[in-house]
């Protein structure tokens, strides 16, 4: 039982890390678009690369267990929400979750 909970917590953390990679990479790509000579190549290459990393990451974390997949997806979505709050234009860049 405790081992199952630990696996779910680790899957949640892995999902958060995958979310940071995916959405952090998206943010970096968007920062580079105005200055690049080939914006379509940059955008498509970034999308394909980030998606491949995420798909492989989800597959490895899941390891045939739908509960771990669900925990990983939850961590991914939570990281997305955190980064939206933290990186929004004109935002306070605070990691506090009590701001709305």
N, C-alpha and C. Protein backbone atom coordinates (compact mmCIF):
# COMPACT_ATOMS: atom_id res chain seq x y z
N UNK A 1 0.82 -1.20 0.00
CA UNK A 1 0.00 0.00 0.00
C UNK A 1 0.86 1.26 0.00
N UNK A 2 1.84 1.32 0.92
CA UNK A 2 2.71 2.48 0.99
C UNK A 2 3.55 2.61 -0.27
N UNK A 3 3.94 1.48 -0.84
CA UNK A 3 4.71 1.49 -2.07
C UNK A 3 3.88 2.08 -3.21
N UNK A 4 2.58 1.75 -3.25
CA UNK A 4 1.70 2.29 -4.28
C UNK A 4 1.58 3.80 -4.16
N UNK A 5 1.45 4.29 -2.95
CA UNK A 5 1.34 5.74 -2.73
C UNK A 5 2.63 6.43 -3.15
N UNK A 6 3.75 5.84 -2.80
CA UNK A 6 5.04 6.41 -3.19
C UNK A 6 5.17 6.47 -4.71
N UNK A 7 4.74 5.41 -5.40
CA UNK A 7 4.80 5.40 -6.86
C UNK A 7 3.92 6.50 -7.45
N UNK A 8 2.76 6.74 -6.86
CA UNK A 8 1.88 7.79 -7.36
C UNK A 8 2.46 9.17 -7.11
N UNK A 9 3.08 9.36 -5.96
CA UNK A 9 3.72 10.64 -5.66
C UNK A 9 4.89 10.88 -6.61
N UNK A 10 5.66 9.85 -6.88
CA UNK A 10 6.76 9.99 -7.83
C UNK A 10 6.26 10.25 -9.24
N UNK A 11 5.15 9.63 -9.61
CA UNK A 11 4.56 9.87 -10.92
C UNK A 11 4.06 11.31 -11.03
N UNK A 12 3.48 11.83 -9.95
CA UNK A 12 3.03 13.22 -9.91
C UNK A 12 4.22 14.16 -10.10
N UNK A 13 5.31 13.88 -9.39
CA UNK A 13 6.52 14.70 -9.51
C UNK A 13 7.12 14.59 -10.91
N UNK A 14 7.10 13.41 -11.49
CA UNK A 14 7.61 13.24 -12.85
C UNK A 14 6.74 14.01 -13.84
N UNK A 15 5.44 14.00 -13.64
CA UNK A 15 4.54 14.78 -14.48
C UNK A 15 4.82 16.27 -14.38
N UNK A 16 5.09 16.73 -13.17
CA UNK A 16 5.44 18.15 -12.99
C UNK A 16 6.74 18.48 -13.71
N UNK A 17 7.72 17.58 -13.62
CA UNK A 17 8.98 17.80 -14.33
C UNK A 17 8.77 17.81 -15.84
N UNK A 18 7.96 16.89 -16.34
CA UNK A 18 7.65 16.87 -17.77
C UNK A 18 6.91 18.14 -18.18
N UNK A 19 6.02 18.61 -17.33
CA UNK A 19 5.32 19.86 -17.62
C UNK A 19 6.27 21.04 -17.67
N UNK A 20 7.24 21.06 -16.76
CA UNK A 20 8.23 22.13 -16.76
C UNK A 20 9.05 22.11 -18.04
N UNK A 21 9.42 20.92 -18.49
CA UNK A 21 10.18 20.79 -19.74
C UNK A 21 9.33 21.25 -20.92
N UNK A 22 8.09 20.76 -21.00
CA UNK A 22 7.23 21.07 -22.14
C UNK A 22 6.90 22.56 -22.20
N UNK A 23 6.36 23.09 -21.11
CA UNK A 23 5.90 24.47 -21.13
C UNK A 23 7.06 25.46 -20.99
N UNK A 24 8.12 25.07 -20.29
CA UNK A 24 9.32 25.90 -20.27
C UNK A 24 9.95 25.99 -21.65
N UNK A 25 9.97 24.86 -22.36
CA UNK A 25 10.48 24.86 -23.72
C UNK A 25 9.61 25.70 -24.65
N UNK A 26 8.31 25.65 -24.45
CA UNK A 26 7.40 26.49 -25.24
C UNK A 26 7.68 27.96 -24.98
N UNK A 27 7.85 28.31 -23.73
CA UNK A 27 8.13 29.70 -23.37
C UNK A 27 9.45 30.18 -24.00
N UNK A 28 10.47 29.34 -23.93
CA UNK A 28 11.75 29.70 -24.55
C UNK A 28 11.63 29.84 -26.06
N UNK A 29 10.86 28.96 -26.67
CA UNK A 29 10.64 29.05 -28.12
C UNK A 29 9.96 30.36 -28.47
N UNK A 30 8.94 30.73 -27.73
CA UNK A 30 8.23 31.97 -28.00
C UNK A 30 9.12 33.19 -27.81
N UNK A 31 10.06 33.11 -26.88
CA UNK A 31 11.00 34.21 -26.68
C UNK A 31 11.94 34.37 -27.87
N UNK A 32 12.25 33.26 -28.54
CA UNK A 32 13.20 33.28 -29.66
C UNK A 32 12.56 33.59 -31.01
N UNK A 33 11.26 33.41 -31.14
CA UNK A 33 10.59 33.58 -32.43
C UNK A 33 10.81 34.95 -33.08
N UNK A 34 10.75 36.06 -32.36
CA UNK A 34 10.92 37.35 -33.03
C UNK A 34 12.32 37.57 -33.63
N UNK A 35 13.31 36.86 -33.13
CA UNK A 35 14.68 37.11 -33.58
C UNK A 35 15.24 36.05 -34.51
N UNK A 36 14.50 34.98 -34.74
CA UNK A 36 15.03 33.90 -35.56
C UNK A 36 14.79 34.17 -37.04
N UNK A 37 15.65 33.63 -37.87
CA UNK A 37 15.50 33.80 -39.31
C UNK A 37 14.50 32.81 -39.90
N UNK A 38 14.26 31.71 -39.21
CA UNK A 38 13.32 30.69 -39.68
C UNK A 38 12.32 30.34 -38.56
N UNK A 39 11.33 31.20 -38.36
CA UNK A 39 10.41 30.98 -37.24
C UNK A 39 9.58 29.70 -37.38
N UNK A 40 9.18 29.34 -38.59
CA UNK A 40 8.37 28.13 -38.75
C UNK A 40 9.19 26.90 -38.39
N UNK A 41 10.43 26.86 -38.83
CA UNK A 41 11.31 25.73 -38.50
C UNK A 41 11.52 25.64 -36.99
N UNK A 42 11.73 26.77 -36.35
CA UNK A 42 11.92 26.78 -34.90
C UNK A 42 10.65 26.29 -34.19
N UNK A 43 9.50 26.82 -34.59
CA UNK A 43 8.26 26.45 -33.93
C UNK A 43 7.93 24.97 -34.13
N UNK A 44 8.06 24.48 -35.34
CA UNK A 44 7.73 23.09 -35.62
C UNK A 44 8.76 22.14 -34.99
N UNK A 45 10.03 22.49 -35.05
CA UNK A 45 11.06 21.66 -34.42
C UNK A 45 10.87 21.58 -32.92
N UNK A 46 10.53 22.72 -32.32
CA UNK A 46 10.28 22.75 -30.88
C UNK A 46 9.07 21.90 -30.52
N UNK A 47 7.99 22.04 -31.28
CA UNK A 47 6.79 21.27 -31.00
C UNK A 47 7.05 19.77 -31.11
N UNK A 48 7.70 19.36 -32.17
CA UNK A 48 7.98 17.94 -32.37
C UNK A 48 8.91 17.41 -31.27
N UNK A 49 9.95 18.16 -30.95
CA UNK A 49 10.88 17.73 -29.91
C UNK A 49 10.25 17.65 -28.54
N UNK A 50 9.49 18.68 -28.16
CA UNK A 50 8.83 18.68 -26.86
C UNK A 50 7.80 17.57 -26.76
N UNK A 51 7.04 17.37 -27.84
CA UNK A 51 6.02 16.32 -27.83
C UNK A 51 6.65 14.94 -27.71
N UNK A 52 7.74 14.71 -28.42
CA UNK A 52 8.42 13.41 -28.35
C UNK A 52 8.93 13.15 -26.93
N UNK A 53 9.51 14.15 -26.31
CA UNK A 53 10.01 13.99 -24.94
C UNK A 53 8.87 13.66 -23.98
N UNK A 54 7.75 14.35 -24.13
CA UNK A 54 6.61 14.14 -23.24
C UNK A 54 5.99 12.77 -23.44
N UNK A 55 5.83 12.36 -24.69
CA UNK A 55 5.24 11.04 -24.96
C UNK A 55 6.10 9.92 -24.39
N UNK A 56 7.40 10.01 -24.59
CA UNK A 56 8.30 9.00 -24.04
C UNK A 56 8.27 9.03 -22.52
N UNK A 57 8.27 10.24 -21.95
CA UNK A 57 8.23 10.37 -20.50
C UNK A 57 6.96 9.78 -19.90
N UNK A 58 5.82 10.10 -20.49
CA UNK A 58 4.55 9.55 -20.00
C UNK A 58 4.54 8.02 -20.11
N UNK A 59 5.04 7.51 -21.22
CA UNK A 59 5.07 6.06 -21.43
C UNK A 59 5.94 5.37 -20.37
N UNK A 60 7.11 5.95 -20.10
CA UNK A 60 8.01 5.35 -19.11
C UNK A 60 7.45 5.44 -17.70
N UNK A 61 6.85 6.56 -17.37
CA UNK A 61 6.27 6.72 -16.03
C UNK A 61 5.10 5.77 -15.85
N UNK A 62 4.25 5.67 -16.87
CA UNK A 62 3.06 4.84 -16.78
C UNK A 62 3.41 3.38 -16.54
N UNK A 63 4.31 2.83 -17.29
CA UNK A 63 4.73 1.44 -17.18
C UNK A 63 3.53 0.48 -17.06
N UNK A 64 2.51 0.74 -17.88
CA UNK A 64 1.36 -0.15 -17.92
C UNK A 64 0.34 0.05 -16.82
N UNK A 65 0.48 1.10 -16.01
CA UNK A 65 -0.41 1.34 -14.88
C UNK A 65 -1.17 2.64 -15.11
N UNK A 66 -2.48 2.57 -15.25
CA UNK A 66 -3.26 3.77 -15.57
C UNK A 66 -3.28 4.77 -14.41
N UNK A 67 -3.12 4.31 -13.18
CA UNK A 67 -3.10 5.23 -12.04
C UNK A 67 -1.86 6.12 -12.09
N UNK A 68 -0.73 5.53 -12.47
CA UNK A 68 0.49 6.34 -12.59
C UNK A 68 0.37 7.32 -13.75
N UNK A 69 -0.28 6.89 -14.83
CA UNK A 69 -0.51 7.80 -15.95
C UNK A 69 -1.36 8.98 -15.51
N UNK A 70 -2.40 8.71 -14.75
CA UNK A 70 -3.28 9.76 -14.27
C UNK A 70 -2.54 10.72 -13.33
N UNK A 71 -1.72 10.18 -12.43
CA UNK A 71 -0.94 11.02 -11.52
C UNK A 71 0.06 11.88 -12.30
N UNK A 72 0.67 11.29 -13.30
CA UNK A 72 1.64 12.01 -14.14
C UNK A 72 0.93 13.15 -14.88
N UNK A 73 -0.24 12.87 -15.44
CA UNK A 73 -1.01 13.89 -16.15
C UNK A 73 -1.41 15.01 -15.20
N UNK A 74 -1.79 14.67 -13.97
CA UNK A 74 -2.14 15.68 -12.99
C UNK A 74 -0.95 16.59 -12.68
N UNK A 75 0.22 16.00 -12.49
CA UNK A 75 1.43 16.80 -12.26
C UNK A 75 1.74 17.70 -13.44
N UNK A 76 1.54 17.21 -14.65
CA UNK A 76 1.76 17.97 -15.87
C UNK A 76 0.84 19.20 -15.90
N UNK A 77 -0.44 18.98 -15.61
CA UNK A 77 -1.42 20.06 -15.63
C UNK A 77 -1.17 21.06 -14.50
N UNK A 78 -0.79 20.57 -13.33
CA UNK A 78 -0.49 21.47 -12.22
C UNK A 78 0.71 22.35 -12.54
N UNK A 79 1.72 21.79 -13.19
CA UNK A 79 2.89 22.60 -13.57
C UNK A 79 2.49 23.64 -14.61
N UNK A 80 1.59 23.29 -15.51
CA UNK A 80 1.10 24.25 -16.50
C UNK A 80 0.45 25.44 -15.79
N UNK A 81 -0.41 25.14 -14.83
CA UNK A 81 -1.09 26.20 -14.09
C UNK A 81 -0.09 27.08 -13.33
N UNK A 82 0.88 26.45 -12.72
CA UNK A 82 1.90 27.19 -11.98
C UNK A 82 2.69 28.11 -12.91
N UNK A 83 3.11 27.60 -14.06
CA UNK A 83 3.88 28.41 -14.99
C UNK A 83 3.05 29.52 -15.61
N UNK A 84 1.77 29.28 -15.83
CA UNK A 84 0.90 30.35 -16.34
C UNK A 84 0.86 31.51 -15.36
N UNK A 85 0.71 31.18 -14.09
CA UNK A 85 0.68 32.24 -13.07
C UNK A 85 2.03 32.94 -12.95
N UNK A 86 3.10 32.17 -13.03
CA UNK A 86 4.43 32.71 -12.78
C UNK A 86 4.96 33.51 -13.96
N UNK A 87 4.67 33.08 -15.17
CA UNK A 87 5.27 33.70 -16.35
C UNK A 87 4.34 34.65 -17.09
N UNK A 88 3.16 34.92 -16.57
CA UNK A 88 2.24 35.79 -17.28
C UNK A 88 2.82 37.20 -17.40
N UNK A 89 2.56 37.85 -18.53
CA UNK A 89 3.07 39.22 -18.71
C UNK A 89 2.50 40.15 -17.65
N UNK A 90 3.37 40.93 -17.06
CA UNK A 90 2.94 41.86 -16.03
C UNK A 90 2.63 41.20 -14.71
N UNK A 91 2.89 39.91 -14.62
CA UNK A 91 2.62 39.19 -13.38
C UNK A 91 3.63 39.52 -12.31
N UNK A 92 3.35 39.08 -11.12
CA UNK A 92 4.24 39.36 -10.01
C UNK A 92 5.39 38.37 -9.95
N UNK A 93 5.30 37.33 -10.77
CA UNK A 93 6.30 36.27 -10.78
C UNK A 93 6.45 35.63 -9.40
N UNK A 94 5.33 35.54 -8.73
CA UNK A 94 5.30 34.93 -7.41
C UNK A 94 4.84 33.49 -7.53
N UNK A 95 5.42 32.62 -6.75
CA UNK A 95 5.02 31.23 -6.77
C UNK A 95 3.90 30.95 -5.77
N UNK A 96 3.36 31.99 -5.17
CA UNK A 96 2.30 31.82 -4.20
C UNK A 96 1.02 31.37 -4.91
N UNK A 97 0.38 30.32 -4.39
CA UNK A 97 -0.82 29.80 -5.01
C UNK A 97 -2.07 30.51 -4.52
N UNK A 98 -1.95 31.41 -3.54
CA UNK A 98 -3.14 32.05 -3.01
C UNK A 98 -3.54 33.30 -3.80
N UNK A 99 -2.77 33.67 -4.80
CA UNK A 99 -3.12 34.82 -5.63
C UNK A 99 -4.03 34.37 -6.76
N UNK A 100 -5.02 35.19 -7.08
CA UNK A 100 -5.90 34.85 -8.19
C UNK A 100 -6.16 36.02 -9.05
